[in-house]
Amino acid sequence: MRQPAPDFTNAFLATLGVLLFMGLLTAAALWGWAGVAFGALGFDRIAQPLARRARR
């Protein structure tokens, strides 16, 4: 007679939780970097005409 397969449900759920946390953390970090980059680009677009006027 064969032995029943071990129940790995708890290990799977724990690993899934860790992977989901790391995935969301990575997405948040990338979104943060993109937000900073676009914010800096927008500020540069606004500041360039002001700097040209100040030089004149």
PDB file of N, CA and C in Angstrom:
ATOM      1  N   MET A   1       0.825  -1.175   0.000  1.00  0.00           N
ATOM      2  CA  MET A   1       0.000   0.000   0.000  1.00  0.00           C
ATOM      3  C   MET A   1       0.882   1.256   0.000  1.00  0.00           C
ATOM      4  N   ARG A   2       0.484   2.268  -0.777  1.00  0.00           N
ATOM      5  CA  ARG A   2       1.262   3.507  -0.890  1.00  0.00           C
ATOM      6  C   ARG A   2       0.966   4.437   0.272  1.00  0.00           C
ATOM      7  N   GLN A   3       1.975   5.197   0.635  1.00  0.00           N
ATOM      8  CA  GLN A   3       1.800   6.201   1.685  1.00  0.00           C
ATOM      9  C   GLN A   3       1.190   7.456   1.069  1.00  0.00           C
ATOM     10  N   PRO A   4       0.364   8.186   1.824  1.00  0.00           N
ATOM     11  CA  PRO A   4      -0.210   9.422   1.274  1.00  0.00           C
ATOM     12  C   PRO A   4       0.876  10.477   1.076  1.00  0.00           C
ATOM     13  N   ALA A   5       0.641  11.349   0.127  1.00  0.00           N
ATOM     14  CA  ALA A   5       1.594  12.432  -0.151  1.00  0.00           C
ATOM     15  C   ALA A   5       1.590  13.414   1.015  1.00  0.00           C
ATOM     16  N   PRO A   6       2.761  13.993   1.318  1.00  0.00           N
ATOM     17  CA  PRO A   6       2.801  14.975   2.411  1.00  0.00           C
ATOM     18  C   PRO A   6       2.026  16.243   2.037  1.00  0.00           C
ATOM     19  N   ASP A   7       1.499  16.901   3.044  1.00  0.00           N
ATOM     20  CA  ASP A   7       0.716  18.119   2.842  1.00  0.00           C
ATOM     21  C   ASP A   7       1.649  19.329   2.916  1.00  0.00           C
ATOM     22  N   PHE A   8       1.916  19.933   1.777  1.00  0.00           N
ATOM     23  CA  PHE A   8       2.810  21.088   1.702  1.00  0.00           C
ATOM     24  C   PHE A   8       2.035  22.399   1.584  1.00  0.00           C
ATOM     25  N   THR A   9       0.771  22.423   1.960  1.00  0.00           N
ATOM     26  CA  THR A   9      -0.059  23.611   1.800  1.00  0.00           C
ATOM     27  C   THR A   9       0.487  24.788   2.599  1.00  0.00           C
ATOM     28  N   ASN A  10       0.844  24.582   3.853  1.00  0.00           N
ATOM     29  CA  ASN A  10       1.351  25.684   4.681  1.00  0.00           C
ATOM     30  C   ASN A  10       2.673  26.228   4.152  1.00  0.00           C
ATOM     31  N   ALA A  11       3.556  25.341   3.714  1.00  0.00           N
ATOM     32  CA  ALA A  11       4.835  25.791   3.157  1.00  0.00           C
ATOM     33  C   ALA A  11       4.605  26.580   1.871  1.00  0.00           C
ATOM     34  N   PHE A  12       3.673  26.111   1.047  1.00  0.00           N
ATOM     35  CA  PHE A  12       3.362  26.827  -0.193  1.00  0.00           C
ATOM     36  C   PHE A  12       2.804  28.210   0.098  1.00  0.00           C
ATOM     37  N   LEU A  13       1.864  28.302   1.030  1.00  0.00           N
ATOM     38  CA  LEU A  13       1.262  29.595   1.346  1.00  0.00           C
ATOM     39  C   LEU A  13       2.279  30.561   1.952  1.00  0.00           C
ATOM     40  N   ALA A  14       3.174  30.062   2.781  1.00  0.00           N
ATOM     41  CA  ALA A  14       4.204  30.923   3.358  1.00  0.00           C
ATOM     42  C   ALA A  14       5.145  31.443   2.269  1.00  0.00           C
ATOM     43  N   THR A  15       5.555  30.564   1.370  1.00  0.00           N
ATOM     44  CA  THR A  15       6.447  30.968   0.280  1.00  0.00           C
ATOM     45  C   THR A  15       5.739  31.943  -0.663  1.00  0.00           C
ATOM     46  N   LEU A  16       4.465  31.675  -0.945  1.00  0.00           N
ATOM     47  CA  LEU A  16       3.701  32.588  -1.796  1.00  0.00           C
ATOM     48  C   LEU A  16       3.598  33.964  -1.154  1.00  0.00           C
ATOM     49  N   GLY A  17       3.393  34.016   0.151  1.00  0.00           N
ATOM     50  CA  GLY A  17       3.329  35.299   0.847  1.00  0.00           C
ATOM     51  C   GLY A  17       4.624  36.076   0.736  1.00  0.00           C
ATOM     52  N   VAL A  18       5.744  35.388   0.903  1.00  0.00           N
ATOM     53  CA  VAL A  18       7.045  36.044   0.797  1.00  0.00           C
ATOM     54  C   VAL A  18       7.269  36.553  -0.625  1.00  0.00           C
ATOM     55  N   LEU A  19       6.970  35.724  -1.621  1.00  0.00           N
ATOM     56  CA  LEU A  19       7.158  36.138  -3.015  1.00  0.00           C
ATOM     57  C   LEU A  19       6.236  37.296  -3.387  1.00  0.00           C
ATOM     58  N   LEU A  20       5.006  37.270  -2.907  1.00  0.00           N
ATOM     59  CA  LEU A  20       4.083  38.368  -3.182  1.00  0.00           C
ATOM     60  C   LEU A  20       4.569  39.656  -2.535  1.00  0.00           C
ATOM     61  N   PHE A  21       5.048  39.571  -1.309  1.00  0.00           N
ATOM     62  CA  PHE A  21       5.587  40.745  -0.628  1.00  0.00           C
ATOM     63  C   PHE A  21       6.774  41.321  -1.392  1.00  0.00           C
ATOM     64  N   MET A  22       7.698  40.470  -1.818  1.00  0.00           N
ATOM     65  CA  MET A  22       8.875  40.945  -2.541  1.00  0.00           C
ATOM     66  C   MET A  22       8.485  41.542  -3.897  1.00  0.00           C
ATOM     67  N   GLY A  23       7.511  40.947  -4.570  1.00  0.00           N
ATOM     68  CA  GLY A  23       7.050  41.494  -5.848  1.00  0.00           C
ATOM     69  C   GLY A  23       6.421  42.861  -5.687  1.00  0.00           C
ATOM     70  N   LEU A  24       5.582  43.013  -4.673  1.00  0.00           N
ATOM     71  CA  LEU A  24       4.958  44.317  -4.441  1.00  0.00           C
ATOM     72  C   LEU A  24       5.984  45.354  -4.000  1.00  0.00           C
ATOM     73  N   LEU A  25       6.957  44.942  -3.212  1.00  0.00           N
ATOM     74  CA  LEU A  25       8.010  45.859  -2.792  1.00  0.00           C
ATOM     75  C   LEU A  25       8.836  46.318  -3.995  1.00  0.00           C
ATOM     76  N   THR A  26       9.128  45.405  -4.892  1.00  0.00           N
ATOM     77  CA  THR A  26       9.869  45.759  -6.110  1.00  0.00           C
ATOM     78  C   THR A  26       9.059  46.717  -6.975  1.00  0.00           C
ATOM     79  N   ALA A  27       7.778  46.445  -7.142  1.00  0.00           N
ATOM     80  CA  ALA A  27       6.929  47.337  -7.937  1.00  0.00           C
ATOM     81  C   ALA A  27       6.865  48.727  -7.314  1.00  0.00           C
ATOM     82  N   ALA A  28       6.751  48.797  -5.999  1.00  0.00           N
ATOM     83  CA  ALA A  28       6.696  50.095  -5.324  1.00  0.00           C
ATOM     84  C   ALA A  28       8.017  50.845  -5.482  1.00  0.00           C
ATOM     85  N   ALA A  29       9.134  50.125  -5.403  1.00  0.00           N
ATOM     86  CA  ALA A  29      10.440  50.774  -5.557  1.00  0.00           C
ATOM     87  C   ALA A  29      10.614  51.304  -6.985  1.00  0.00           C
ATOM     88  N   LEU A  30      10.212  50.507  -7.974  1.00  0.00           N
ATOM     89  CA  LEU A  30      10.333  50.967  -9.363  1.00  0.00           C
ATOM     90  C   LEU A  30       9.418  52.150  -9.627  1.00  0.00           C
ATOM     91  N   TRP A  31       8.198  52.123  -9.098  1.00  0.00           N
ATOM     92  CA  TRP A  31       7.278  53.246  -9.274  1.00  0.00           C
ATOM     93  C   TRP A  31       7.848  54.499  -8.612  1.00  0.00           C
ATOM     94  N   GLY A  32       8.489  54.319  -7.456  1.00  0.00           N
ATOM     95  CA  GLY A  32       9.098  55.457  -6.773  1.00  0.00           C
ATOM     96  C   GLY A  32      10.209  56.074  -7.597  1.00  0.00           C
ATOM     97  N   TRP A  33      11.058  55.236  -8.164  1.00  0.00           N
ATOM     98  CA  TRP A  33      12.143  55.760  -9.003  1.00  0.00           C
ATOM     99  C   TRP A  33      11.592  56.460 -10.232  1.00  0.00           C
ATOM    100  N   ALA A  34      10.559  55.885 -10.832  1.00  0.00           N
ATOM    101  CA  ALA A  34       9.962  56.510 -12.016  1.00  0.00           C
ATOM    102  C   ALA A  34       9.331  57.853 -11.635  1.00  0.00           C
ATOM    103  N   GLY A  35       8.668  57.914 -10.495  1.00  0.00           N
ATOM    104  CA  GLY A  35       8.065  59.167 -10.050  1.00  0.00           C
ATOM    105  C   GLY A  35       9.097  60.244  -9.811  1.00  0.00           C
ATOM    106  N   VAL A  36      10.204  59.874  -9.208  1.00  0.00           N
ATOM    107  CA  VAL A  36      11.280  60.842  -8.965  1.00  0.00           C
ATOM    108  C   VAL A  36      11.875  61.310 -10.291  1.00  0.00           C
ATOM    109  N   ALA A  37      12.088  60.386 -11.223  1.00  0.00           N
ATOM    110  CA  ALA A  37      12.668  60.755 -12.517  1.00  0.00           C
ATOM    111  C   ALA A  37      11.739  61.699 -13.290  1.00  0.00           C
ATOM    112  N   PHE A  38      10.439  61.382 -13.325  1.00  0.00           N
ATOM    113  CA  PHE A  38       9.495  62.249 -14.044  1.00  0.00           C
ATOM    114  C   PHE A  38       9.327  63.585 -13.340  1.00  0.00           C
ATOM    115  N   GLY A  39       9.366  63.583 -12.020  1.00  0.00           N
ATOM    116  CA  GLY A  39       9.283  64.840 -11.281  1.00  0.00           C
ATOM    117  C   GLY A  39      10.473  65.738 -11.561  1.00  0.00           C
ATOM    118  N   ALA A  40      11.665  65.150 -11.591  1.00  0.00           N
ATOM    119  CA  ALA A  40      12.871  65.923 -11.883  1.00  0.00           C
ATOM    120  C   ALA A  40      12.842  66.447 -13.318  1.00  0.00           C
ATOM    121  N   LEU A  41      12.362  65.636 -14.247  1.00  0.00           N
ATOM    122  CA  LEU A  41      12.265  66.072 -15.637  1.00  0.00           C
ATOM    123  C   LEU A  41      11.279  67.240 -15.763  1.00  0.00           C
ATOM    124  N   GLY A  42      10.148  67.121 -15.080  1.00  0.00           N
ATOM    125  CA  GLY A  42       9.160  68.203 -15.115  1.00  0.00           C
ATOM    126  C   GLY A  42       9.698  69.483 -14.501  1.00  0.00           C
ATOM    127  N   PHE A  43      10.404  69.365 -13.381  1.00  0.00           N
ATOM    128  CA  PHE A  43      10.995  70.549 -12.759  1.00  0.00           C
ATOM    129  C   PHE A  43      12.031  71.181 -13.673  1.00  0.00           C
ATOM    130  N   ASP A  44      12.815  70.354 -14.358  1.00  0.00           N
ATOM    131  CA  ASP A  44      13.825  70.882 -15.286  1.00  0.00           C
ATOM    132  C   ASP A  44      13.164  71.634 -16.435  1.00  0.00           C
ATOM    133  N   ARG A  45      12.044  71.106 -16.947  1.00  0.00           N
ATOM    134  CA  ARG A  45      11.325  71.783 -18.040  1.00  0.00           C
ATOM    135  C   ARG A  45      10.779  73.137 -17.578  1.00  0.00           C
ATOM    136  N   ILE A  46      10.368  73.217 -16.324  1.00  0.00           N
ATOM    137  CA  ILE A  46       9.851  74.487 -15.798  1.00  0.00           C
ATOM    138  C   ILE A  46      10.991  75.455 -15.493  1.00  0.00           C
ATOM    139  N   ALA A  47      12.109  74.944 -14.995  1.00  0.00           N
ATOM    140  CA  ALA A  47      13.198  75.804 -14.545  1.00  0.00           C
ATOM    141  C   ALA A  47      14.019  76.372 -15.705  1.00  0.00           C
ATOM    142  N   GLN A  48      14.099  75.705 -16.830  1.00  0.00           N
ATOM    143  CA  GLN A  48      14.923  76.196 -17.944  1.00  0.00           C
ATOM    144  C   GLN A  48      14.463  77.558 -18.469  1.00  0.00           C
ATOM    145  N   PRO A  49      13.185  77.768 -18.749  1.00  0.00           N
ATOM    146  CA  PRO A  49      12.779  79.112 -19.211  1.00  0.00           C
ATOM    147  C   PRO A  49      13.006  80.194 -18.161  1.00  0.00           C
ATOM    148  N   LEU A  50      12.822  79.843 -16.893  1.00  0.00           N
ATOM    149  CA  LEU A  50      13.067  80.821 -15.836  1.00  0.00           C
ATOM    150  C   LEU A  50      14.550  81.188 -15.755  1.00  0.00           C
ATOM    151  N   ALA A  51      15.412  80.204 -15.949  1.00  0.00           N
ATOM    152  CA  ALA A  51      16.846  80.479 -15.923  1.00  0.00           C
ATOM    153  C   ALA A  51      17.262  81.333 -17.124  1.00  0.00           C
ATOM    154  N   ARG A  52      16.661  81.108 -18.284  1.00  0.00           N
ATOM    155  CA  ARG A  52      16.971  81.925 -19.461  1.00  0.00           C
ATOM    156  C   ARG A  52      16.562  83.380 -19.246  1.00  0.00           C
ATOM    157  N   ARG A  53      15.400  83.591 -18.625  1.00  0.00           N
ATOM    158  CA  ARG A  53      14.968  84.953 -18.343  1.00  0.00           C
ATOM    159  C   ARG A  53      15.868  85.641 -17.328  1.00  0.00           C
ATOM    160  N   ALA A  54      16.374  84.897 -16.362  1.00  0.00           N
ATOM    161  CA  ALA A  54      17.234  85.481 -15.338  1.00  0.00           C
ATOM    162  C   ALA A  54      18.592  85.870 -15.920  1.00  0.00           C
ATOM    163  N   ARG A  55      19.043  85.168 -16.941  1.00  0.00           N
ATOM    164  CA  ARG A  55      20.351  85.495 -17.546  1.00  0.00           C
ATOM    165  C   ARG A  55      20.298  86.771 -18.361  1.00  0.00           C
ATOM    166  N   ARG A  56      19.144  87.124 -18.892  1.00  0.00           N
ATOM    167  CA  ARG A  56      19.035  88.303 -19.761  1.00  0.00           C
ATOM    168  C   ARG A  56      19.106  89.583 -19.010  1.00  0.00           C
TER     169      ARG A  56
END
